[in-house]
């Protein structure tokens, strides 16, 4: 915690916890000074004091006391990390490119994750990007087609703003096509062919109606894109609710025979997709973030690359001046 007083930024204001100790030491010095004066008064009258104690000087004793107090004061101020003036530095940033693809097909409204699969996936994504602050992340939404919602950025706040805007009103009425999201990611990664670490993380329940998945998957592997898939939902599944324009549920989806449609997590296709592209399949957990920590560990295996330079400005530490004043006071006290 930092505060600014008299144009000086005190960066470690929490060090005020040592203030009582500072006051205690000052109190002990004053008590010691008073005790010496009392002892001198008891040992000799004023007219004999200069004769008996020729080496003693009341003024010098007071000066030594003041020097000790000033020395302790400046040590205490140094602990608060005083800063003023700014220094600008150019920092070479390093990281990876990570595209996050979120399934927005109607099956993501199924409630085998609470409150539903879509909201569970959003919570996981939020946690994931918080764990990878140095990486560039992009957001893609997909169902029957894929759309880049947020291009690659280091601005996590901007990324989250786009992610938060995804809700039940964003849900597509179409089915899921995994080949479309992979094709879109290839197009995005091809815009910078110098990148080595190309990572795609797909959050989906695994329902897929792709017509060209095998060939597009092979193309992604050829281009060095590693696909990680996060299975959202459960194998037991749940009905797909029908949400009206007011956001209220007005029933569940049924097939042509009038039977309730149960949407289930399809592990198999996601496992194969990740395996064939050098990634990993992870089934989402509902009660903790162990799944995302496992994903972070996998992502961190990939080498970070140099990205753009960033200009960083920061206050200059000046505690050395305060320590120097304290040292000078102690030196003068010793010489006296």
C-alpha atoms as a PDB file:
ATOM      1  CA  UNK A   1       0.000   0.000   0.000  1.00  0.00           C
ATOM      2  CA  UNK A   2       1.288   3.455  -0.916  1.00  0.00           C
ATOM      3  CA  UNK A   3       0.311   7.033  -0.118  1.00  0.00           C
ATOM      4  CA  UNK A   4       1.630  10.386  -1.327  1.00  0.00           C
ATOM      5  CA  UNK A   5       2.517  13.059   1.252  1.00  0.00           C
ATOM      6  CA  UNK A   6       4.426  16.270   0.487  1.00  0.00           C
ATOM      7  CA  UNK A   7       5.184  15.041  -3.023  1.00  0.00           C
ATOM      8  CA  UNK A   8       6.829  11.858  -1.707  1.00  0.00           C
ATOM      9  CA  UNK A   9       5.310   8.439  -2.343  1.00  0.00           C
ATOM     10  CA  UNK A  10       5.611   6.203   0.710  1.00  0.00           C
ATOM     11  CA  UNK A  11       5.407   2.745  -0.845  1.00  0.00           C
ATOM     12  CA  UNK A  12       5.399   0.627   2.336  1.00  0.00           C
ATOM     13  CA  UNK A  13       2.943   2.450   4.553  1.00  0.00           C
ATOM     14  CA  UNK A  14       2.245  -0.860   6.296  1.00  0.00           C
ATOM     15  CA  UNK A  15       5.638  -0.380   8.000  1.00  0.00           C
ATOM     16  CA  UNK A  16       3.880   2.105  10.290  1.00  0.00           C
ATOM     17  CA  UNK A  17       3.428  -0.959  12.473  1.00  0.00           C
ATOM     18  CA  UNK A  18       6.981  -0.214  13.717  1.00  0.00           C
ATOM     19  CA  UNK A  19       6.011   3.292  14.901  1.00  0.00           C
ATOM     20  CA  UNK A  20       5.352   2.164  18.529  1.00  0.00           C
ATOM     21  CA  UNK A  21       8.846   0.623  18.602  1.00  0.00           C
ATOM     22  CA  UNK A  22      10.280   3.931  17.358  1.00  0.00           C
ATOM     23  CA  UNK A  23       8.477   5.825  20.133  1.00  0.00           C
ATOM     24  CA  UNK A  24       9.687   3.300  22.718  1.00  0.00           C
ATOM     25  CA  UNK A  25      13.334   3.759  21.693  1.00  0.00           C
ATOM     26  CA  UNK A  26      12.968   7.554  21.798  1.00  0.00           C
ATOM     27  CA  UNK A  27      11.404   7.286  25.240  1.00  0.00           C
ATOM     28  CA  UNK A  28      14.307   5.147  26.495  1.00  0.00           C
ATOM     29  CA  UNK A  29      16.844   7.681  25.223  1.00  0.00           C
ATOM     30  CA  UNK A  30      15.053  10.583  26.927  1.00  0.00           C
ATOM     31  CA  UNK A  31      14.746   8.639  30.188  1.00  0.00           C
ATOM     32  CA  UNK A  32      18.462   7.813  30.032  1.00  0.00           C
ATOM     33  CA  UNK A  33      19.319  11.498  29.499  1.00  0.00           C
ATOM     34  CA  UNK A  34      17.128  12.579  32.435  1.00  0.00           C
ATOM     35  CA  UNK A  35      18.586   9.905  34.688  1.00  0.00           C
ATOM     36  CA  UNK A  36      22.155  11.068  33.970  1.00  0.00           C
ATOM     37  CA  UNK A  37      21.200  14.644  34.867  1.00  0.00           C
ATOM     38  CA  UNK A  38      19.596  13.523  38.122  1.00  0.00           C
ATOM     39  CA  UNK A  39      22.651  11.485  39.089  1.00  0.00           C
ATOM     40  CA  UNK A  40      24.942  14.482  38.446  1.00  0.00           C
ATOM     41  CA  UNK A  41      22.770  16.713  40.633  1.00  0.00           C
ATOM     42  CA  UNK A  42      22.978  14.174  43.455  1.00  0.00           C
ATOM     43  CA  UNK A  43      26.761  13.778  43.179  1.00  0.00           C
ATOM     44  CA  UNK A  44      27.769  17.463  43.175  1.00  0.00           C
ATOM     45  CA  UNK A  45      26.427  20.968  43.616  1.00  0.00           C
ATOM     46  CA  UNK A  46      26.440  23.264  40.550  1.00  0.00           C
ATOM     47  CA  UNK A  47      29.573  25.223  41.694  1.00  0.00           C
ATOM     48  CA  UNK A  48      31.592  21.974  42.035  1.00  0.00           C
ATOM     49  CA  UNK A  49      30.142  20.154  39.001  1.00  0.00           C
ATOM     50  CA  UNK A  50      32.495  21.692  36.389  1.00  0.00           C
ATOM     51  CA  UNK A  51      35.497  20.954  38.558  1.00  0.00           C
ATOM     52  CA  UNK A  52      34.597  17.348  39.370  1.00  0.00           C
ATOM     53  CA  UNK A  53      33.254  16.442  35.939  1.00  0.00           C
ATOM     54  CA  UNK A  54      35.491  18.327  33.534  1.00  0.00           C
ATOM     55  CA  UNK A  55      34.760  15.944  30.652  1.00  0.00           C
ATOM     56  CA  UNK A  56      31.046  16.375  30.921  1.00  0.00           C
ATOM     57  CA  UNK A  57      29.161  18.974  28.816  1.00  0.00           C
ATOM     58  CA  UNK A  58      25.349  19.348  29.186  1.00  0.00           C
ATOM     59  CA  UNK A  59      25.147  20.887  25.694  1.00  0.00           C
ATOM     60  CA  UNK A  60      27.091  18.042  24.128  1.00  0.00           C
ATOM     61  CA  UNK A  61      24.843  15.499  25.872  1.00  0.00           C
ATOM     62  CA  UNK A  62      21.762  17.233  24.471  1.00  0.00           C
ATOM     63  CA  UNK A  63      23.267  17.282  20.972  1.00  0.00           C
ATOM     64  CA  UNK A  64      24.070  13.544  21.198  1.00  0.00           C
ATOM     65  CA  UNK A  65      20.475  12.880  22.285  1.00  0.00           C
ATOM     66  CA  UNK A  66      19.098  14.860  19.334  1.00  0.00           C
ATOM     67  CA  UNK A  67      21.428  13.048  16.913  1.00  0.00           C
ATOM     68  CA  UNK A  68      20.199   9.675  18.183  1.00  0.00           C
ATOM     69  CA  UNK A  69      16.561  10.742  17.786  1.00  0.00           C
ATOM     70  CA  UNK A  70      17.139  12.039  14.243  1.00  0.00           C
ATOM     71  CA  UNK A  71      19.045   8.856  13.316  1.00  0.00           C
ATOM     72  CA  UNK A  72      16.193   6.645  14.526  1.00  0.00           C
ATOM     73  CA  UNK A  73      13.608   8.862  12.809  1.00  0.00           C
ATOM     74  CA  UNK A  74      15.318   8.566   9.426  1.00  0.00           C
ATOM     75  CA  UNK A  75      15.715   4.792   9.795  1.00  0.00           C
ATOM     76  CA  UNK A  76      11.994   4.591  10.464  1.00  0.00           C
ATOM     77  CA  UNK A  77      11.226   6.785   7.411  1.00  0.00           C
ATOM     78  CA  UNK A  78      13.500   4.599   5.263  1.00  0.00           C
ATOM     79  CA  UNK A  79      11.360   1.584   6.229  1.00  0.00           C
ATOM     80  CA  UNK A  80       8.389   3.335   4.583  1.00  0.00           C
ATOM     81  CA  UNK A  81      10.231   3.195   1.212  1.00  0.00           C
ATOM     82  CA  UNK A  82      10.163   6.874   0.185  1.00  0.00           C
ATOM     83  CA  UNK A  83      10.028   7.400  -3.597  1.00  0.00           C
ATOM     84  CA  UNK A  84      10.010  10.399  -5.887  1.00  0.00           C
ATOM     85  CA  UNK A  85      10.886  11.053  -9.493  1.00  0.00           C
ATOM     86  CA  UNK A  86      10.059   8.598 -12.271  1.00  0.00           C
ATOM     87  CA  UNK A  87      12.200   6.334 -14.416  1.00  0.00           C
ATOM     88  CA  UNK A  88      10.969   4.889 -17.698  1.00  0.00           C
ATOM     89  CA  UNK A  89      12.151   1.515 -18.929  1.00  0.00           C
ATOM     90  CA  UNK A  90      11.455  -0.494 -22.058  1.00  0.00           C
ATOM     91  CA  UNK A  91      10.581  -4.055 -21.099  1.00  0.00           C
ATOM     92  CA  UNK A  92      10.640  -6.848 -23.660  1.00  0.00           C
ATOM     93  CA  UNK A  93       7.496  -8.847 -23.024  1.00  0.00           C
ATOM     94  CA  UNK A  94       7.326 -12.599 -23.437  1.00  0.00           C
ATOM     95  CA  UNK A  95       4.344 -14.907 -23.665  1.00  0.00           C
ATOM     96  CA  UNK A  96       2.279 -17.278 -25.741  1.00  0.00           C
ATOM     97  CA  UNK A  97      -0.746 -16.865 -28.005  1.00  0.00           C
ATOM     98  CA  UNK A  98      -3.808 -18.562 -26.553  1.00  0.00           C
ATOM     99  CA  UNK A  99      -7.137 -18.602 -28.365  1.00  0.00           C
ATOM    100  CA  UNK A 100     -10.142 -19.430 -26.190  1.00  0.00           C
ATOM    101  CA  UNK A 101     -13.157 -20.762 -28.084  1.00  0.00           C
ATOM    102  CA  UNK A 102     -16.515 -20.879 -26.302  1.00  0.00           C
ATOM    103  CA  UNK A 103     -19.419 -23.012 -27.512  1.00  0.00           C
ATOM    104  CA  UNK A 104     -22.636 -20.944 -27.664  1.00  0.00           C
ATOM    105  CA  UNK A 105     -24.945 -23.587 -29.127  1.00  0.00           C
ATOM    106  CA  UNK A 106     -28.296 -24.156 -27.390  1.00  0.00           C
ATOM    107  CA  UNK A 107     -27.061 -27.289 -25.626  1.00  0.00           C
ATOM    108  CA  UNK A 108     -24.805 -25.035 -23.506  1.00  0.00           C
ATOM    109  CA  UNK A 109     -27.927 -23.935 -21.608  1.00  0.00           C
ATOM    110  CA  UNK A 110     -28.313 -27.433 -20.154  1.00  0.00           C
ATOM    111  CA  UNK A 111     -28.183 -27.303 -16.370  1.00  0.00           C
ATOM    112  CA  UNK A 112     -26.060 -30.322 -15.456  1.00  0.00           C
ATOM    113  CA  UNK A 113     -23.572 -27.624 -14.392  1.00  0.00           C
ATOM    114  CA  UNK A 114     -24.976 -24.903 -12.165  1.00  0.00           C
ATOM    115  CA  UNK A 115     -26.419 -22.538 -13.158  1.00  0.00           C
ATOM    116  CA  UNK A 116     -25.821 -23.873 -16.687  1.00  0.00           C
ATOM    117  CA  UNK A 117     -22.962 -25.034 -18.907  1.00  0.00           C
ATOM    118  CA  UNK A 118     -22.417 -21.601 -20.435  1.00  0.00           C
ATOM    119  CA  UNK A 119     -21.970 -19.814 -17.109  1.00  0.00           C
ATOM    120  CA  UNK A 120     -19.745 -22.612 -15.798  1.00  0.00           C
ATOM    121  CA  UNK A 121     -17.520 -22.285 -18.868  1.00  0.00           C
ATOM    122  CA  UNK A 122     -17.304 -18.502 -18.428  1.00  0.00           C
ATOM    123  CA  UNK A 123     -16.203 -18.890 -14.814  1.00  0.00           C
ATOM    124  CA  UNK A 124     -13.512 -21.349 -15.885  1.00  0.00           C
ATOM    125  CA  UNK A 125     -12.260 -19.014 -18.612  1.00  0.00           C
ATOM    126  CA  UNK A 126     -12.078 -16.097 -16.178  1.00  0.00           C
ATOM    127  CA  UNK A 127      -9.973 -18.179 -13.819  1.00  0.00           C
ATOM    128  CA  UNK A 128      -7.759 -19.412 -16.668  1.00  0.00           C
ATOM    129  CA  UNK A 129      -6.785 -15.972 -18.018  1.00  0.00           C
ATOM    130  CA  UNK A 130      -6.026 -14.785 -14.480  1.00  0.00           C
ATOM    131  CA  UNK A 131      -3.424 -17.549 -14.223  1.00  0.00           C
ATOM    132  CA  UNK A 132      -1.732 -16.573 -17.516  1.00  0.00           C
ATOM    133  CA  UNK A 133      -1.218 -12.792 -17.226  1.00  0.00           C
ATOM    134  CA  UNK A 134       1.789 -12.640 -19.565  1.00  0.00           C
ATOM    135  CA  UNK A 135       0.091 -14.405 -22.480  1.00  0.00           C
ATOM    136  CA  UNK A 136      -1.943 -12.873 -25.281  1.00  0.00           C
ATOM    137  CA  UNK A 137      -5.483 -14.226 -25.285  1.00  0.00           C
ATOM    138  CA  UNK A 138      -8.262 -14.061 -27.833  1.00  0.00           C
ATOM    139  CA  UNK A 139     -11.930 -15.028 -27.599  1.00  0.00           C
ATOM    140  CA  UNK A 140     -13.925 -16.873 -30.216  1.00  0.00           C
ATOM    141  CA  UNK A 141     -17.605 -17.798 -30.081  1.00  0.00           C
ATOM    142  CA  UNK A 142     -18.906 -20.686 -32.138  1.00  0.00           C
ATOM    143  CA  UNK A 143     -21.896 -22.827 -32.903  1.00  0.00           C
ATOM    144  CA  UNK A 144     -22.644 -23.645 -36.554  1.00  0.00           C
ATOM    145  CA  UNK A 145     -20.079 -20.983 -37.491  1.00  0.00           C
ATOM    146  CA  UNK A 146     -17.263 -19.244 -35.611  1.00  0.00           C
ATOM    147  CA  UNK A 147     -16.804 -15.555 -34.847  1.00  0.00           C
ATOM    148  CA  UNK A 148     -13.786 -13.803 -33.313  1.00  0.00           C
ATOM    149  CA  UNK A 149     -15.264 -11.808 -30.448  1.00  0.00           C
ATOM    150  CA  UNK A 150     -11.946 -10.439 -29.114  1.00  0.00           C
ATOM    151  CA  UNK A 151      -8.666 -10.498 -31.104  1.00  0.00           C
ATOM    152  CA  UNK A 152      -5.389 -11.365 -29.391  1.00  0.00           C
ATOM    153  CA  UNK A 153      -4.746  -8.953 -26.537  1.00  0.00           C
ATOM    154  CA  UNK A 154      -2.816  -8.576 -23.310  1.00  0.00           C
ATOM    155  CA  UNK A 155      -5.617  -6.422 -21.925  1.00  0.00           C
ATOM    156  CA  UNK A 156      -7.302  -8.953 -19.645  1.00  0.00           C
ATOM    157  CA  UNK A 157      -9.939  -6.404 -18.606  1.00  0.00           C
ATOM    158  CA  UNK A 158     -10.988  -5.924 -22.239  1.00  0.00           C
ATOM    159  CA  UNK A 159     -11.063  -9.690 -22.782  1.00  0.00           C
ATOM    160  CA  UNK A 160     -13.305 -10.144 -19.756  1.00  0.00           C
ATOM    161  CA  UNK A 161     -15.611  -7.385 -20.940  1.00  0.00           C
ATOM    162  CA  UNK A 162     -16.257  -9.322 -24.162  1.00  0.00           C
ATOM    163  CA  UNK A 163     -16.646 -12.557 -22.215  1.00  0.00           C
ATOM    164  CA  UNK A 164     -19.122 -11.045 -19.742  1.00  0.00           C
ATOM    165  CA  UNK A 165     -21.287  -9.898 -22.651  1.00  0.00           C
ATOM    166  CA  UNK A 166     -21.966 -13.542 -23.556  1.00  0.00           C
ATOM    167  CA  UNK A 167     -25.276 -14.701 -22.043  1.00  0.00           C
ATOM    168  CA  UNK A 168     -28.423 -16.643 -22.921  1.00  0.00           C
ATOM    169  CA  UNK A 169     -29.324 -13.975 -25.474  1.00  0.00           C
ATOM    170  CA  UNK A 170     -26.066 -14.681 -27.316  1.00  0.00           C
ATOM    171  CA  UNK A 171     -26.912 -18.355 -27.655  1.00  0.00           C
ATOM    172  CA  UNK A 172     -27.176 -19.508 -31.256  1.00  0.00           C
ATOM    173  CA  UNK A 173     -30.125 -21.528 -32.453  1.00  0.00           C
ATOM    174  CA  UNK A 174     -27.817 -23.595 -34.635  1.00  0.00           C
ATOM    175  CA  UNK A 175     -25.932 -26.779 -33.903  1.00  0.00           C
ATOM    176  CA  UNK A 176     -22.232 -27.136 -33.069  1.00  0.00           C
ATOM    177  CA  UNK A 177     -19.539 -27.456 -35.749  1.00  0.00           C
ATOM    178  CA  UNK A 178     -16.054 -27.955 -34.338  1.00  0.00           C
ATOM    179  CA  UNK A 179     -14.473 -27.773 -37.798  1.00  0.00           C
ATOM    180  CA  UNK A 180     -15.549 -24.123 -38.068  1.00  0.00           C
ATOM    181  CA  UNK A 181     -13.806 -23.021 -34.900  1.00  0.00           C
ATOM    182  CA  UNK A 182     -10.592 -24.831 -35.907  1.00  0.00           C
ATOM    183  CA  UNK A 183     -10.703 -23.281 -39.391  1.00  0.00           C
ATOM    184  CA  UNK A 184     -11.158 -19.818 -37.879  1.00  0.00           C
ATOM    185  CA  UNK A 185      -8.253 -20.362 -35.483  1.00  0.00           C
ATOM    186  CA  UNK A 186      -5.999 -21.413 -38.366  1.00  0.00           C
ATOM    187  CA  UNK A 187      -6.878 -18.183 -40.153  1.00  0.00           C
ATOM    188  CA  UNK A 188      -6.060 -16.116 -37.038  1.00  0.00           C
ATOM    189  CA  UNK A 189      -2.763 -17.854 -36.330  1.00  0.00           C
ATOM    190  CA  UNK A 190      -1.705 -17.547 -40.000  1.00  0.00           C
ATOM    191  CA  UNK A 191      -1.675 -13.756 -39.613  1.00  0.00           C
ATOM    192  CA  UNK A 192       1.601 -14.113 -37.703  1.00  0.00           C
ATOM    193  CA  UNK A 193       3.500 -17.118 -39.006  1.00  0.00           C
ATOM    194  CA  UNK A 194       6.519 -16.357 -36.800  1.00  0.00           C
ATOM    195  CA  UNK A 195       4.721 -17.543 -33.674  1.00  0.00           C
ATOM    196  CA  UNK A 196       5.795 -20.957 -32.423  1.00  0.00           C
ATOM    197  CA  UNK A 197       3.393 -21.553 -29.541  1.00  0.00           C
ATOM    198  CA  UNK A 198      -0.087 -21.697 -31.087  1.00  0.00           C
ATOM    199  CA  UNK A 199      -2.636 -22.868 -28.553  1.00  0.00           C
ATOM    200  CA  UNK A 200      -6.381 -23.283 -28.957  1.00  0.00           C
ATOM    201  CA  UNK A 201      -8.597 -24.095 -25.965  1.00  0.00           C
ATOM    202  CA  UNK A 202     -12.157 -25.149 -26.777  1.00  0.00           C
ATOM    203  CA  UNK A 203     -14.848 -25.077 -24.076  1.00  0.00           C
ATOM    204  CA  UNK A 204     -17.715 -27.247 -25.293  1.00  0.00           C
ATOM    205  CA  UNK A 205     -20.031 -30.105 -24.412  1.00  0.00           C
ATOM    206  CA  UNK A 206     -18.704 -32.058 -27.380  1.00  0.00           C
ATOM    207  CA  UNK A 207     -21.871 -32.216 -29.472  1.00  0.00           C
ATOM    208  CA  UNK A 208     -20.629 -31.910 -33.036  1.00  0.00           C
ATOM    209  CA  UNK A 209     -22.199 -31.838 -36.491  1.00  0.00           C
ATOM    210  CA  UNK A 210     -19.042 -31.058 -38.468  1.00  0.00           C
ATOM    211  CA  UNK A 211     -18.759 -32.204 -42.046  1.00  0.00           C
ATOM    212  CA  UNK A 212     -15.031 -31.656 -42.447  1.00  0.00           C
ATOM    213  CA  UNK A 213     -13.512 -32.269 -39.018  1.00  0.00           C
ATOM    214  CA  UNK A 214     -10.922 -34.900 -40.002  1.00  0.00           C
ATOM    215  CA  UNK A 215      -9.253 -32.844 -42.739  1.00  0.00           C
ATOM    216  CA  UNK A 216      -9.327 -29.529 -40.846  1.00  0.00           C
ATOM    217  CA  UNK A 217      -7.921 -31.272 -37.768  1.00  0.00           C
ATOM    218  CA  UNK A 218      -5.033 -32.628 -39.861  1.00  0.00           C
ATOM    219  CA  UNK A 219      -4.376 -29.136 -41.242  1.00  0.00           C
ATOM    220  CA  UNK A 220      -4.248 -27.692 -37.722  1.00  0.00           C
ATOM    221  CA  UNK A 221      -1.749 -30.343 -36.646  1.00  0.00           C
ATOM    222  CA  UNK A 222       0.380 -29.611 -39.714  1.00  0.00           C
ATOM    223  CA  UNK A 223       0.496 -25.921 -38.816  1.00  0.00           C
ATOM    224  CA  UNK A 224       1.547 -26.685 -35.240  1.00  0.00           C
ATOM    225  CA  UNK A 225      -1.690 -25.683 -33.541  1.00  0.00           C
ATOM    226  CA  UNK A 226      -2.152 -27.563 -30.268  1.00  0.00           C
ATOM    227  CA  UNK A 227      -5.816 -28.008 -29.392  1.00  0.00           C
ATOM    228  CA  UNK A 228      -6.917 -28.410 -25.776  1.00  0.00           C
ATOM    229  CA  UNK A 229     -10.536 -29.331 -25.174  1.00  0.00           C
ATOM    230  CA  UNK A 230     -12.476 -28.748 -21.962  1.00  0.00           C
ATOM    231  CA  UNK A 231     -15.576 -30.911 -21.611  1.00  0.00           C
ATOM    232  CA  UNK A 232     -18.459 -28.944 -20.069  1.00  0.00           C
ATOM    233  CA  UNK A 233     -21.355 -31.003 -18.729  1.00  0.00           C
ATOM    234  CA  UNK A 234     -21.849 -34.588 -17.584  1.00  0.00           C
ATOM    235  CA  UNK A 235     -22.204 -37.937 -19.400  1.00  0.00           C
ATOM    236  CA  UNK A 236     -25.655 -38.281 -17.772  1.00  0.00           C
ATOM    237  CA  UNK A 237     -26.679 -35.037 -19.431  1.00  0.00           C
ATOM    238  CA  UNK A 238     -29.678 -32.774 -18.919  1.00  0.00           C
ATOM    239  CA  UNK A 239     -32.612 -31.372 -20.934  1.00  0.00           C
ATOM    240  CA  UNK A 240     -32.052 -28.270 -23.045  1.00  0.00           C
ATOM    241  CA  UNK A 241     -34.239 -25.438 -21.729  1.00  0.00           C
ATOM    242  CA  UNK A 242     -36.099 -23.118 -24.092  1.00  0.00           C
ATOM    243  CA  UNK A 243     -35.621 -19.479 -23.055  1.00  0.00           C
ATOM    244  CA  UNK A 244     -38.010 -16.759 -24.232  1.00  0.00           C
ATOM    245  CA  UNK A 245     -37.115 -13.152 -25.062  1.00  0.00           C
ATOM    246  CA  UNK A 246     -37.637 -12.132 -21.431  1.00  0.00           C
ATOM    247  CA  UNK A 247     -35.075 -14.635 -20.210  1.00  0.00           C
ATOM    248  CA  UNK A 248     -37.674 -16.987 -18.729  1.00  0.00           C
ATOM    249  CA  UNK A 249     -37.736 -20.717 -19.317  1.00  0.00           C
ATOM    250  CA  UNK A 250     -40.866 -21.830 -21.164  1.00  0.00           C
ATOM    251  CA  UNK A 251     -40.189 -25.514 -21.479  1.00  0.00           C
ATOM    252  CA  UNK A 252     -37.512 -27.904 -22.717  1.00  0.00           C
ATOM    253  CA  UNK A 253     -36.491 -28.992 -26.175  1.00  0.00           C
ATOM    254  CA  UNK A 254     -38.224 -32.085 -27.578  1.00  0.00           C
ATOM    255  CA  UNK A 255     -37.697 -34.249 -30.645  1.00  0.00           C
ATOM    256  CA  UNK A 256     -40.201 -34.988 -33.395  1.00  0.00           C
ATOM    257  CA  UNK A 257     -41.749 -37.782 -31.332  1.00  0.00           C
ATOM    258  CA  UNK A 258     -42.346 -35.403 -28.433  1.00  0.00           C
ATOM    259  CA  UNK A 259     -39.640 -36.916 -26.238  1.00  0.00           C
ATOM    260  CA  UNK A 260     -37.420 -34.625 -24.157  1.00  0.00           C
ATOM    261  CA  UNK A 261     -33.988 -34.167 -25.765  1.00  0.00           C
ATOM    262  CA  UNK A 262     -31.161 -34.962 -23.358  1.00  0.00           C
ATOM    263  CA  UNK A 263     -27.830 -33.299 -24.133  1.00  0.00           C
ATOM    264  CA  UNK A 264     -24.848 -35.324 -22.907  1.00  0.00           C
ATOM    265  CA  UNK A 265     -21.153 -34.603 -22.697  1.00  0.00           C
ATOM    266  CA  UNK A 266     -19.369 -36.282 -25.613  1.00  0.00           C
ATOM    267  CA  UNK A 267     -15.920 -37.162 -24.250  1.00  0.00           C
ATOM    268  CA  UNK A 268     -14.833 -39.337 -27.149  1.00  0.00           C
ATOM    269  CA  UNK A 269     -14.689 -36.772 -29.947  1.00  0.00           C
ATOM    270  CA  UNK A 270     -12.926 -34.231 -27.715  1.00  0.00           C
ATOM    271  CA  UNK A 271     -10.310 -36.736 -26.548  1.00  0.00           C
ATOM    272  CA  UNK A 272      -9.533 -37.705 -30.143  1.00  0.00           C
ATOM    273  CA  UNK A 273      -9.342 -34.096 -31.301  1.00  0.00           C
ATOM    274  CA  UNK A 274      -6.844 -33.129 -28.589  1.00  0.00           C
ATOM    275  CA  UNK A 275      -4.777 -36.273 -28.934  1.00  0.00           C
ATOM    276  CA  UNK A 276      -4.366 -35.875 -32.696  1.00  0.00           C
ATOM    277  CA  UNK A 277      -3.161 -32.257 -32.402  1.00  0.00           C
ATOM    278  CA  UNK A 278      -0.743 -32.625 -29.495  1.00  0.00           C
ATOM    279  CA  UNK A 279      -3.077 -31.101 -26.925  1.00  0.00           C
ATOM    280  CA  UNK A 280      -5.013 -32.592 -24.035  1.00  0.00           C
ATOM    281  CA  UNK A 281      -8.624 -33.278 -23.092  1.00  0.00           C
ATOM    282  CA  UNK A 282      -9.761 -32.217 -19.615  1.00  0.00           C
ATOM    283  CA  UNK A 283     -13.206 -32.820 -18.180  1.00  0.00           C
ATOM    284  CA  UNK A 284     -14.429 -29.753 -16.315  1.00  0.00           C
ATOM    285  CA  UNK A 285     -14.927 -29.999 -12.565  1.00  0.00           C
ATOM    286  CA  UNK A 286     -17.846 -28.278 -10.865  1.00  0.00           C
ATOM    287  CA  UNK A 287     -16.580 -27.896  -7.290  1.00  0.00           C
ATOM    288  CA  UNK A 288     -13.020 -26.551  -7.768  1.00  0.00           C
ATOM    289  CA  UNK A 289     -10.540 -25.233 -10.338  1.00  0.00           C
ATOM    290  CA  UNK A 290      -8.245 -28.254 -10.460  1.00  0.00           C
ATOM    291  CA  UNK A 291      -9.159 -28.648 -14.129  1.00  0.00           C
ATOM    292  CA  UNK A 292      -7.907 -25.158 -14.975  1.00  0.00           C
ATOM    293  CA  UNK A 293      -4.750 -25.616 -12.911  1.00  0.00           C
ATOM    294  CA  UNK A 294      -4.046 -28.764 -14.898  1.00  0.00           C
ATOM    295  CA  UNK A 295      -4.592 -26.822 -18.119  1.00  0.00           C
ATOM    296  CA  UNK A 296      -2.290 -24.014 -16.943  1.00  0.00           C
ATOM    297  CA  UNK A 297       0.423 -26.574 -16.194  1.00  0.00           C
ATOM    298  CA  UNK A 298       0.080 -27.939 -19.730  1.00  0.00           C
ATOM    299  CA  UNK A 299       0.140 -24.480 -21.319  1.00  0.00           C
ATOM    300  CA  UNK A 300       3.257 -23.495 -19.375  1.00  0.00           C
ATOM    301  CA  UNK A 301       5.149 -26.376 -20.990  1.00  0.00           C
ATOM    302  CA  UNK A 302       5.184 -24.361 -24.204  1.00  0.00           C
ATOM    303  CA  UNK A 303       7.978 -21.881 -24.729  1.00  0.00           C
ATOM    304  CA  UNK A 304       7.316 -18.187 -24.253  1.00  0.00           C
ATOM    305  CA  UNK A 305       8.293 -15.976 -27.159  1.00  0.00           C
ATOM    306  CA  UNK A 306       9.320 -12.350 -27.402  1.00  0.00           C
ATOM    307  CA  UNK A 307       6.447 -10.025 -28.142  1.00  0.00           C
ATOM    308  CA  UNK A 308       6.149  -6.256 -28.258  1.00  0.00           C
ATOM    309  CA  UNK A 309       8.113  -3.909 -26.033  1.00  0.00           C
ATOM    310  CA  UNK A 310       6.265  -2.173 -23.235  1.00  0.00           C
ATOM    311  CA  UNK A 311       7.200   1.172 -21.724  1.00  0.00           C
ATOM    312  CA  UNK A 312       7.067   0.928 -17.935  1.00  0.00           C
ATOM    313  CA  UNK A 313       7.417   3.931 -15.637  1.00  0.00           C
ATOM    314  CA  UNK A 314       7.970   3.623 -11.924  1.00  0.00           C
ATOM    315  CA  UNK A 315       8.997   5.801  -8.996  1.00  0.00           C
ATOM    316  CA  UNK A 316      12.645   5.827  -7.977  1.00  0.00           C
ATOM    317  CA  UNK A 317      13.501   4.449  -4.534  1.00  0.00           C
ATOM    318  CA  UNK A 318      15.077   7.120  -2.318  1.00  0.00           C
ATOM    319  CA  UNK A 319      15.436   5.279   0.997  1.00  0.00           C
ATOM    320  CA  UNK A 320      19.235   5.381   0.615  1.00  0.00           C
ATOM    321  CA  UNK A 321      19.168   9.129   1.272  1.00  0.00           C
ATOM    322  CA  UNK A 322      17.401   8.573   4.589  1.00  0.00           C
ATOM    323  CA  UNK A 323      19.818   5.821   5.572  1.00  0.00           C
ATOM    324  CA  UNK A 324      22.719   8.145   4.740  1.00  0.00           C
ATOM    325  CA  UNK A 325      21.330  10.882   7.023  1.00  0.00           C
ATOM    326  CA  UNK A 326      20.910   8.328   9.797  1.00  0.00           C
ATOM    327  CA  UNK A 327      24.484   7.056   9.347  1.00  0.00           C
ATOM    328  CA  UNK A 328      25.833  10.619   9.367  1.00  0.00           C
ATOM    329  CA  UNK A 329      24.004  11.401  12.627  1.00  0.00           C
ATOM    330  CA  UNK A 330      25.409   8.288  14.310  1.00  0.00           C
ATOM    331  CA  UNK A 331      28.891   9.142  13.075  1.00  0.00           C
ATOM    332  CA  UNK A 332      28.674  12.661  14.512  1.00  0.00           C
ATOM    333  CA  UNK A 333      27.319  11.275  17.804  1.00  0.00           C
ATOM    334  CA  UNK A 334      30.298   8.903  18.032  1.00  0.00           C
ATOM    335  CA  UNK A 335      32.790  11.708  17.271  1.00  0.00           C
ATOM    336  CA  UNK A 336      31.269  13.857  20.012  1.00  0.00           C
END
